[in-house]
Amino acid sequence: MKLLAYGRVLNGLVKLSNKTEFAKDIANFEGKEIVITVEVKSKKRSLKQNRYYWGVVVPLVKAGLTDAGWRYTTEQVHEDLKRDFNIVEIVNEQSGEIRKSIGSTTEMTTKQIMEYFAKITEWSAEYLGVEIPEPNEQLEIKYK
């Protein structure tokens, strides 16, 4: 079981956002050895990144797969991309055994989602011949 708490460090002291709720939750660990990890809170992926993913990345990959003879729904493309490029490791806290699982893109930080986009962009160019533009890159469409 894992417990997450949010707060700030002010003048060397930890100030929890919801101290009362945390106190109730921590009681579940009574008598057990625990590990405490402190990290800077990361910003979750942005709405702009989400729009880029669903409006540019997924449709271009889907078009490339269609051109290669595959018939995928948008959701199937998303699931396949997660399976191929968003694998997370889950550690058994008792045995140390590691299992791999498909991660959620909604839980990614802004940095993680950009790394995810980079993997997809490289794969798409290499295997589908589809160039995915950078998020801020202007596309040029030429008409005859």
N, C-alpha and C. Protein backbone atom coordinates (compact mmCIF):
# COMPACT_ATOMS: atom_id res chain seq x y z
N MET A 1 0.85 -1.18 0.00
CA MET A 1 0.00 0.00 0.00
C MET A 1 0.89 1.24 0.00
N LYS A 2 0.48 2.22 -0.75
CA LYS A 2 1.25 3.46 -0.87
C LYS A 2 0.39 4.63 -0.46
N LEU A 3 0.97 5.55 0.28
CA LEU A 3 0.27 6.73 0.74
C LEU A 3 0.95 7.96 0.17
N LEU A 4 0.18 8.82 -0.47
CA LEU A 4 0.71 10.07 -1.01
C LEU A 4 0.15 11.23 -0.21
N ALA A 5 0.99 12.20 0.06
CA ALA A 5 0.54 13.41 0.73
C ALA A 5 1.19 14.60 0.03
N TYR A 6 0.48 15.70 0.00
CA TYR A 6 0.98 16.89 -0.67
C TYR A 6 1.12 18.02 0.35
N GLY A 7 2.09 18.86 0.12
CA GLY A 7 2.29 19.98 1.00
C GLY A 7 3.47 20.81 0.54
N ARG A 8 4.04 21.57 1.47
CA ARG A 8 5.19 22.44 1.20
C ARG A 8 6.16 22.35 2.35
N VAL A 9 7.41 22.69 2.04
CA VAL A 9 8.40 22.84 3.09
C VAL A 9 8.58 24.34 3.30
N LEU A 10 8.31 24.78 4.52
CA LEU A 10 8.45 26.19 4.87
C LEU A 10 9.28 26.31 6.14
N ASN A 11 10.38 27.05 6.04
CA ASN A 11 11.29 27.22 7.19
C ASN A 11 11.75 25.89 7.77
N GLY A 12 11.99 24.93 6.88
CA GLY A 12 12.50 23.64 7.31
C GLY A 12 11.45 22.69 7.86
N LEU A 13 10.19 23.07 7.84
CA LEU A 13 9.11 22.23 8.36
C LEU A 13 8.18 21.83 7.22
N VAL A 14 7.65 20.60 7.31
CA VAL A 14 6.70 20.11 6.33
C VAL A 14 5.30 20.55 6.73
N LYS A 15 4.64 21.25 5.83
CA LYS A 15 3.26 21.70 6.04
C LYS A 15 2.38 20.94 5.06
N LEU A 16 1.61 19.97 5.57
CA LEU A 16 0.77 19.13 4.72
C LEU A 16 -0.50 19.87 4.34
N SER A 17 -0.97 19.60 3.13
CA SER A 17 -2.19 20.23 2.64
C SER A 17 -3.41 19.77 3.42
N ASN A 18 -3.43 18.48 3.79
CA ASN A 18 -4.57 17.94 4.54
C ASN A 18 -4.05 17.09 5.68
N LYS A 19 -3.56 17.75 6.72
CA LYS A 19 -2.91 17.09 7.85
C LYS A 19 -3.83 16.08 8.55
N THR A 20 -5.09 16.44 8.74
CA THR A 20 -6.04 15.56 9.44
C THR A 20 -6.24 14.25 8.69
N GLU A 21 -6.45 14.34 7.39
CA GLU A 21 -6.66 13.14 6.56
C GLU A 21 -5.39 12.29 6.53
N PHE A 22 -4.23 12.94 6.45
CA PHE A 22 -2.96 12.22 6.45
C PHE A 22 -2.79 11.45 7.75
N ALA A 23 -3.12 12.06 8.87
CA ALA A 23 -2.98 11.40 10.18
C ALA A 23 -3.84 10.14 10.24
N LYS A 24 -5.04 10.20 9.68
CA LYS A 24 -5.92 9.01 9.65
C LYS A 24 -5.30 7.92 8.77
N ASP A 25 -4.79 8.31 7.60
CA ASP A 25 -4.23 7.34 6.65
C ASP A 25 -2.96 6.69 7.20
N ILE A 26 -2.11 7.47 7.86
CA ILE A 26 -0.84 6.95 8.36
C ILE A 26 -1.06 5.91 9.46
N ALA A 27 -2.21 5.98 10.12
CA ALA A 27 -2.53 5.00 11.17
C ALA A 27 -2.58 3.58 10.63
N ASN A 28 -2.84 3.42 9.33
CA ASN A 28 -2.87 2.08 8.71
C ASN A 28 -1.50 1.41 8.69
N PHE A 29 -0.46 2.19 8.92
CA PHE A 29 0.90 1.65 8.88
C PHE A 29 1.44 1.34 10.28
N GLU A 30 0.60 1.42 11.28
CA GLU A 30 1.01 1.21 12.67
C GLU A 30 1.79 -0.10 12.82
N GLY A 31 2.97 -0.01 13.42
CA GLY A 31 3.80 -1.18 13.70
C GLY A 31 4.60 -1.70 12.52
N LYS A 32 4.50 -1.05 11.36
CA LYS A 32 5.21 -1.52 10.16
C LYS A 32 6.39 -0.62 9.86
N GLU A 33 7.42 -1.22 9.25
CA GLU A 33 8.54 -0.40 8.77
C GLU A 33 8.08 0.31 7.51
N ILE A 34 8.47 1.56 7.36
CA ILE A 34 8.05 2.33 6.20
C ILE A 34 9.25 2.99 5.52
N VAL A 35 9.04 3.45 4.32
CA VAL A 35 10.01 4.23 3.56
C VAL A 35 9.36 5.56 3.25
N ILE A 36 10.07 6.63 3.50
CA ILE A 36 9.54 7.96 3.19
C ILE A 36 10.36 8.55 2.04
N THR A 37 9.66 8.96 0.99
CA THR A 37 10.30 9.58 -0.16
C THR A 37 9.74 10.98 -0.30
N VAL A 38 10.62 11.93 -0.52
CA VAL A 38 10.19 13.32 -0.72
C VAL A 38 10.68 13.75 -2.09
N GLU A 39 9.81 14.33 -2.88
CA GLU A 39 10.20 14.81 -4.20
C GLU A 39 9.42 16.08 -4.52
N VAL A 40 9.93 16.83 -5.45
CA VAL A 40 9.24 18.04 -5.88
C VAL A 40 8.04 17.61 -6.73
N LYS A 41 6.92 18.21 -6.45
CA LYS A 41 5.70 17.88 -7.18
C LYS A 41 5.89 18.27 -8.65
N SER A 42 5.59 17.33 -9.53
CA SER A 42 5.72 17.57 -10.96
C SER A 42 4.41 18.03 -11.56
N LYS A 43 4.52 18.85 -12.55
CA LYS A 43 3.34 19.34 -13.25
C LYS A 43 2.84 18.26 -14.19
N LYS A 44 1.55 17.95 -14.10
CA LYS A 44 0.94 16.95 -14.99
C LYS A 44 0.86 17.51 -16.40
N ARG A 45 0.72 16.59 -17.35
CA ARG A 45 0.65 17.03 -18.74
C ARG A 45 -0.40 18.12 -18.89
N SER A 46 -0.15 19.00 -19.84
CA SER A 46 -1.03 20.16 -20.03
C SER A 46 -2.18 19.83 -20.98
N LEU A 47 -3.19 20.67 -20.95
CA LEU A 47 -4.31 20.53 -21.89
C LEU A 47 -3.82 20.69 -23.32
N LYS A 48 -2.85 21.60 -23.50
CA LYS A 48 -2.28 21.82 -24.84
C LYS A 48 -1.59 20.53 -25.33
N GLN A 49 -0.84 19.87 -24.45
CA GLN A 49 -0.19 18.61 -24.82
C GLN A 49 -1.23 17.55 -25.13
N ASN A 50 -2.31 17.51 -24.37
CA ASN A 50 -3.37 16.54 -24.61
C ASN A 50 -4.03 16.78 -25.97
N ARG A 51 -4.28 18.05 -26.30
CA ARG A 51 -4.88 18.37 -27.61
C ARG A 51 -3.94 18.00 -28.75
N TYR A 52 -2.64 18.24 -28.56
CA TYR A 52 -1.65 17.88 -29.58
C TYR A 52 -1.66 16.36 -29.79
N TYR A 53 -1.69 15.61 -28.70
CA TYR A 53 -1.67 14.15 -28.79
C TYR A 53 -2.89 13.63 -29.57
N TRP A 54 -4.08 14.06 -29.14
CA TRP A 54 -5.31 13.55 -29.76
C TRP A 54 -5.62 14.21 -31.10
N GLY A 55 -5.09 15.41 -31.33
CA GLY A 55 -5.39 16.12 -32.57
C GLY A 55 -4.35 15.98 -33.66
N VAL A 56 -3.12 15.60 -33.30
CA VAL A 56 -2.03 15.50 -34.27
C VAL A 56 -1.41 14.10 -34.25
N VAL A 57 -0.87 13.71 -33.11
CA VAL A 57 -0.10 12.45 -33.02
C VAL A 57 -0.96 11.24 -33.38
N VAL A 58 -2.03 11.04 -32.64
CA VAL A 58 -2.86 9.85 -32.86
C VAL A 58 -3.44 9.82 -34.27
N PRO A 59 -4.02 10.92 -34.79
CA PRO A 59 -4.56 10.87 -36.16
C PRO A 59 -3.50 10.58 -37.23
N LEU A 60 -2.29 11.14 -37.08
CA LEU A 60 -1.25 10.87 -38.07
C LEU A 60 -0.77 9.42 -38.01
N VAL A 61 -0.64 8.87 -36.80
CA VAL A 61 -0.26 7.46 -36.67
C VAL A 61 -1.36 6.58 -37.25
N LYS A 62 -2.60 6.92 -36.96
CA LYS A 62 -3.73 6.15 -37.49
C LYS A 62 -3.73 6.18 -39.02
N ALA A 63 -3.47 7.34 -39.60
CA ALA A 63 -3.42 7.45 -41.07
C ALA A 63 -2.28 6.61 -41.63
N GLY A 64 -1.13 6.64 -40.96
CA GLY A 64 0.00 5.82 -41.40
C GLY A 64 -0.30 4.34 -41.33
N LEU A 65 -0.96 3.92 -40.27
CA LEU A 65 -1.34 2.51 -40.13
C LEU A 65 -2.36 2.13 -41.20
N THR A 66 -3.29 3.03 -41.48
CA THR A 66 -4.29 2.78 -42.52
C THR A 66 -3.61 2.62 -43.87
N ASP A 67 -2.65 3.49 -44.18
CA ASP A 67 -1.91 3.40 -45.44
C ASP A 67 -1.14 2.09 -45.54
N ALA A 68 -0.74 1.53 -44.38
CA ALA A 68 0.01 0.27 -44.36
C ALA A 68 -0.93 -0.94 -44.36
N GLY A 69 -2.24 -0.69 -44.43
CA GLY A 69 -3.19 -1.79 -44.53
C GLY A 69 -3.87 -2.18 -43.23
N TRP A 70 -3.59 -1.47 -42.15
CA TRP A 70 -4.19 -1.78 -40.86
C TRP A 70 -5.46 -0.97 -40.68
N ARG A 71 -6.44 -1.55 -40.01
CA ARG A 71 -7.68 -0.85 -39.71
C ARG A 71 -7.80 -0.73 -38.19
N TYR A 72 -7.48 0.43 -37.68
CA TYR A 72 -7.51 0.70 -36.26
C TYR A 72 -8.55 1.78 -35.96
N THR A 73 -9.17 1.68 -34.79
CA THR A 73 -9.96 2.80 -34.31
C THR A 73 -8.98 3.76 -33.62
N THR A 74 -9.43 4.97 -33.37
CA THR A 74 -8.59 5.94 -32.67
C THR A 74 -8.17 5.40 -31.30
N GLU A 75 -9.10 4.80 -30.58
CA GLU A 75 -8.80 4.26 -29.25
C GLU A 75 -7.79 3.10 -29.34
N GLN A 76 -7.89 2.27 -30.37
CA GLN A 76 -6.92 1.19 -30.54
C GLN A 76 -5.53 1.73 -30.81
N VAL A 77 -5.42 2.80 -31.58
CA VAL A 77 -4.12 3.42 -31.83
C VAL A 77 -3.55 3.90 -30.50
N HIS A 78 -4.36 4.58 -29.72
CA HIS A 78 -3.92 5.07 -28.41
C HIS A 78 -3.43 3.92 -27.52
N GLU A 79 -4.20 2.86 -27.44
CA GLU A 79 -3.83 1.71 -26.60
C GLU A 79 -2.53 1.06 -27.09
N ASP A 80 -2.37 0.93 -28.40
CA ASP A 80 -1.13 0.35 -28.94
C ASP A 80 0.07 1.24 -28.67
N LEU A 81 -0.11 2.55 -28.80
CA LEU A 81 1.00 3.47 -28.51
C LEU A 81 1.41 3.36 -27.05
N LYS A 82 0.44 3.30 -26.15
CA LYS A 82 0.76 3.14 -24.72
C LYS A 82 1.50 1.82 -24.49
N ARG A 83 1.01 0.75 -25.11
CA ARG A 83 1.63 -0.57 -24.93
C ARG A 83 3.08 -0.58 -25.44
N ASP A 84 3.33 0.12 -26.52
CA ASP A 84 4.66 0.11 -27.12
C ASP A 84 5.61 1.14 -26.50
N PHE A 85 5.07 2.25 -25.99
CA PHE A 85 5.96 3.35 -25.58
C PHE A 85 5.72 3.89 -24.17
N ASN A 86 4.84 3.26 -23.41
CA ASN A 86 4.58 3.75 -22.05
C ASN A 86 4.48 2.58 -21.07
N ILE A 87 5.54 1.83 -20.98
CA ILE A 87 5.61 0.72 -20.05
C ILE A 87 6.19 1.21 -18.73
N VAL A 88 5.51 0.89 -17.64
CA VAL A 88 5.99 1.26 -16.31
C VAL A 88 6.31 -0.01 -15.53
N GLU A 89 7.25 0.12 -14.61
CA GLU A 89 7.62 -1.01 -13.77
C GLU A 89 6.94 -0.88 -12.42
N ILE A 90 6.37 -1.98 -11.97
CA ILE A 90 5.73 -2.03 -10.66
C ILE A 90 6.53 -3.00 -9.80
N VAL A 91 6.94 -2.53 -8.63
CA VAL A 91 7.80 -3.33 -7.76
C VAL A 91 6.98 -3.91 -6.62
N ASN A 92 7.13 -5.22 -6.40
CA ASN A 92 6.53 -5.86 -5.25
C ASN A 92 7.35 -5.45 -4.04
N GLU A 93 6.73 -4.74 -3.12
CA GLU A 93 7.45 -4.18 -1.98
C GLU A 93 7.99 -5.25 -1.04
N GLN A 94 7.41 -6.45 -1.07
CA GLN A 94 7.88 -7.52 -0.19
C GLN A 94 9.00 -8.34 -0.81
N SER A 95 8.84 -8.70 -2.09
CA SER A 95 9.82 -9.58 -2.73
C SER A 95 10.84 -8.86 -3.59
N GLY A 96 10.53 -7.63 -3.99
CA GLY A 96 11.41 -6.90 -4.89
C GLY A 96 11.20 -7.27 -6.35
N GLU A 97 10.28 -8.21 -6.61
CA GLU A 97 9.99 -8.63 -7.98
C GLU A 97 9.44 -7.44 -8.77
N ILE A 98 9.82 -7.37 -10.03
CA ILE A 98 9.38 -6.27 -10.90
C ILE A 98 8.50 -6.83 -12.01
N ARG A 99 7.36 -6.20 -12.19
CA ARG A 99 6.47 -6.53 -13.29
C ARG A 99 6.28 -5.29 -14.13
N LYS A 100 6.00 -5.50 -15.39
CA LYS A 100 5.79 -4.38 -16.29
C LYS A 100 4.30 -4.25 -16.58
N SER A 101 3.87 -3.00 -16.71
CA SER A 101 2.46 -2.71 -16.95
C SER A 101 2.36 -1.53 -17.91
N ILE A 102 1.22 -1.41 -18.56
CA ILE A 102 0.98 -0.27 -19.45
C ILE A 102 0.61 0.92 -18.59
N GLY A 103 1.33 2.02 -18.77
CA GLY A 103 1.08 3.22 -17.99
C GLY A 103 -0.06 4.04 -18.56
N SER A 104 -0.53 4.96 -17.76
CA SER A 104 -1.59 5.88 -18.17
C SER A 104 -0.97 7.18 -18.65
N THR A 105 -1.41 7.68 -19.78
CA THR A 105 -0.90 8.97 -20.25
C THR A 105 -1.45 10.12 -19.41
N THR A 106 -2.58 9.92 -18.75
CA THR A 106 -3.15 10.99 -17.94
C THR A 106 -2.31 11.26 -16.69
N GLU A 107 -1.50 10.30 -16.28
CA GLU A 107 -0.68 10.47 -15.09
C GLU A 107 0.72 11.00 -15.41
N MET A 108 1.02 11.18 -16.68
CA MET A 108 2.35 11.64 -17.07
C MET A 108 2.58 13.10 -16.71
N THR A 109 3.83 13.42 -16.42
CA THR A 109 4.21 14.82 -16.23
C THR A 109 4.42 15.44 -17.61
N THR A 110 4.58 16.76 -17.63
CA THR A 110 4.81 17.44 -18.91
C THR A 110 6.08 16.92 -19.57
N LYS A 111 7.10 16.63 -18.78
CA LYS A 111 8.35 16.10 -19.33
C LYS A 111 8.17 14.67 -19.85
N GLN A 112 7.47 13.84 -19.09
CA GLN A 112 7.26 12.45 -19.51
C GLN A 112 6.46 12.38 -20.80
N ILE A 113 5.45 13.22 -20.95
CA ILE A 113 4.64 13.17 -22.17
C ILE A 113 5.45 13.60 -23.38
N MET A 114 6.37 14.56 -23.19
CA MET A 114 7.22 14.98 -24.30
C MET A 114 8.17 13.84 -24.71
N GLU A 115 8.67 13.09 -23.75
CA GLU A 115 9.51 11.92 -24.05
C GLU A 115 8.69 10.86 -24.78
N TYR A 116 7.46 10.67 -24.38
CA TYR A 116 6.53 9.75 -25.03
C TYR A 116 6.30 10.17 -26.48
N PHE A 117 6.05 11.47 -26.70
CA PHE A 117 5.88 11.98 -28.06
C PHE A 117 7.12 11.72 -28.90
N ALA A 118 8.29 11.92 -28.33
CA ALA A 118 9.55 11.73 -29.07
C ALA A 118 9.70 10.27 -29.51
N LYS A 119 9.37 9.33 -28.66
CA LYS A 119 9.45 7.91 -29.01
C LYS A 119 8.50 7.59 -30.16
N ILE A 120 7.28 8.10 -30.05
CA ILE A 120 6.28 7.85 -31.10
C ILE A 120 6.71 8.49 -32.41
N THR A 121 7.22 9.71 -32.35
CA THR A 121 7.66 10.42 -33.55
C THR A 121 8.77 9.67 -34.26
N GLU A 122 9.73 9.17 -33.50
CA GLU A 122 10.85 8.41 -34.09
C GLU A 122 10.34 7.12 -34.74
N TRP A 123 9.50 6.39 -34.02
CA TRP A 123 8.96 5.13 -34.54
C TRP A 123 8.11 5.38 -35.79
N SER A 124 7.26 6.40 -35.73
CA SER A 124 6.37 6.71 -36.83
C SER A 124 7.14 7.02 -38.11
N ALA A 125 8.22 7.79 -37.97
CA ALA A 125 9.04 8.14 -39.15
C ALA A 125 9.73 6.90 -39.70
N GLU A 126 10.26 6.08 -38.79
CA GLU A 126 11.03 4.91 -39.22
C GLU A 126 10.17 3.80 -39.80
N TYR A 127 9.05 3.48 -39.15
CA TYR A 127 8.27 2.32 -39.54
C TYR A 127 7.05 2.62 -40.41
N LEU A 128 6.53 3.84 -40.30
CA LEU A 128 5.35 4.18 -41.09
C LEU A 128 5.64 5.20 -42.18
N GLY A 129 6.83 5.84 -42.10
CA GLY A 129 7.16 6.89 -43.04
C GLY A 129 6.32 8.13 -42.81
N VAL A 130 5.82 8.31 -41.59
CA VAL A 130 4.97 9.43 -41.25
C VAL A 130 5.76 10.40 -40.37
N GLU A 131 5.85 11.63 -40.83
CA GLU A 131 6.53 12.67 -40.06
C GLU A 131 5.49 13.37 -39.17
N ILE A 132 5.72 13.33 -37.89
CA ILE A 132 4.83 14.01 -36.95
C ILE A 132 5.49 15.34 -36.60
N PRO A 133 4.81 16.45 -36.85
CA PRO A 133 5.42 17.75 -36.55
C PRO A 133 5.55 17.97 -35.05
N GLU A 134 6.52 18.79 -34.69
CA GLU A 134 6.70 19.18 -33.28
C GLU A 134 5.46 19.95 -32.85
N PRO A 135 5.18 19.99 -31.54
CA PRO A 135 3.97 20.68 -31.08
C PRO A 135 3.83 22.13 -31.56
N ASN A 136 4.93 22.86 -31.68
CA ASN A 136 4.84 24.26 -32.09
C ASN A 136 5.24 24.49 -33.54
N GLU A 137 5.42 23.42 -34.28
CA GLU A 137 5.86 23.52 -35.67
C GLU A 137 4.67 23.86 -36.57
N GLN A 138 4.85 24.81 -37.43
CA GLN A 138 3.81 25.21 -38.36
C GLN A 138 3.82 24.25 -39.54
N LEU A 139 2.68 23.69 -39.86
CA LEU A 139 2.57 22.82 -41.02
C LEU A 139 2.33 23.66 -42.27
N GLU A 140 2.94 23.23 -43.37
CA GLU A 140 2.74 23.93 -44.62
C GLU A 140 2.02 23.00 -45.58
N ILE A 141 0.89 23.42 -46.05
CA ILE A 141 0.11 22.61 -46.98
C ILE A 141 0.16 23.32 -48.33
N LYS A 142 0.60 22.58 -49.34
CA LYS A 142 0.72 23.16 -50.68
C LYS A 142 -0.46 22.68 -51.53
N TYR A 143 -1.08 23.64 -52.21
CA TYR A 143 -2.17 23.34 -53.10
C TYR A 143 -1.68 23.53 -54.52
N LYS A 144 -2.20 22.73 -55.43
CA LYS A 144 -1.81 22.85 -56.84
C LYS A 144 -2.55 23.97 -57.49
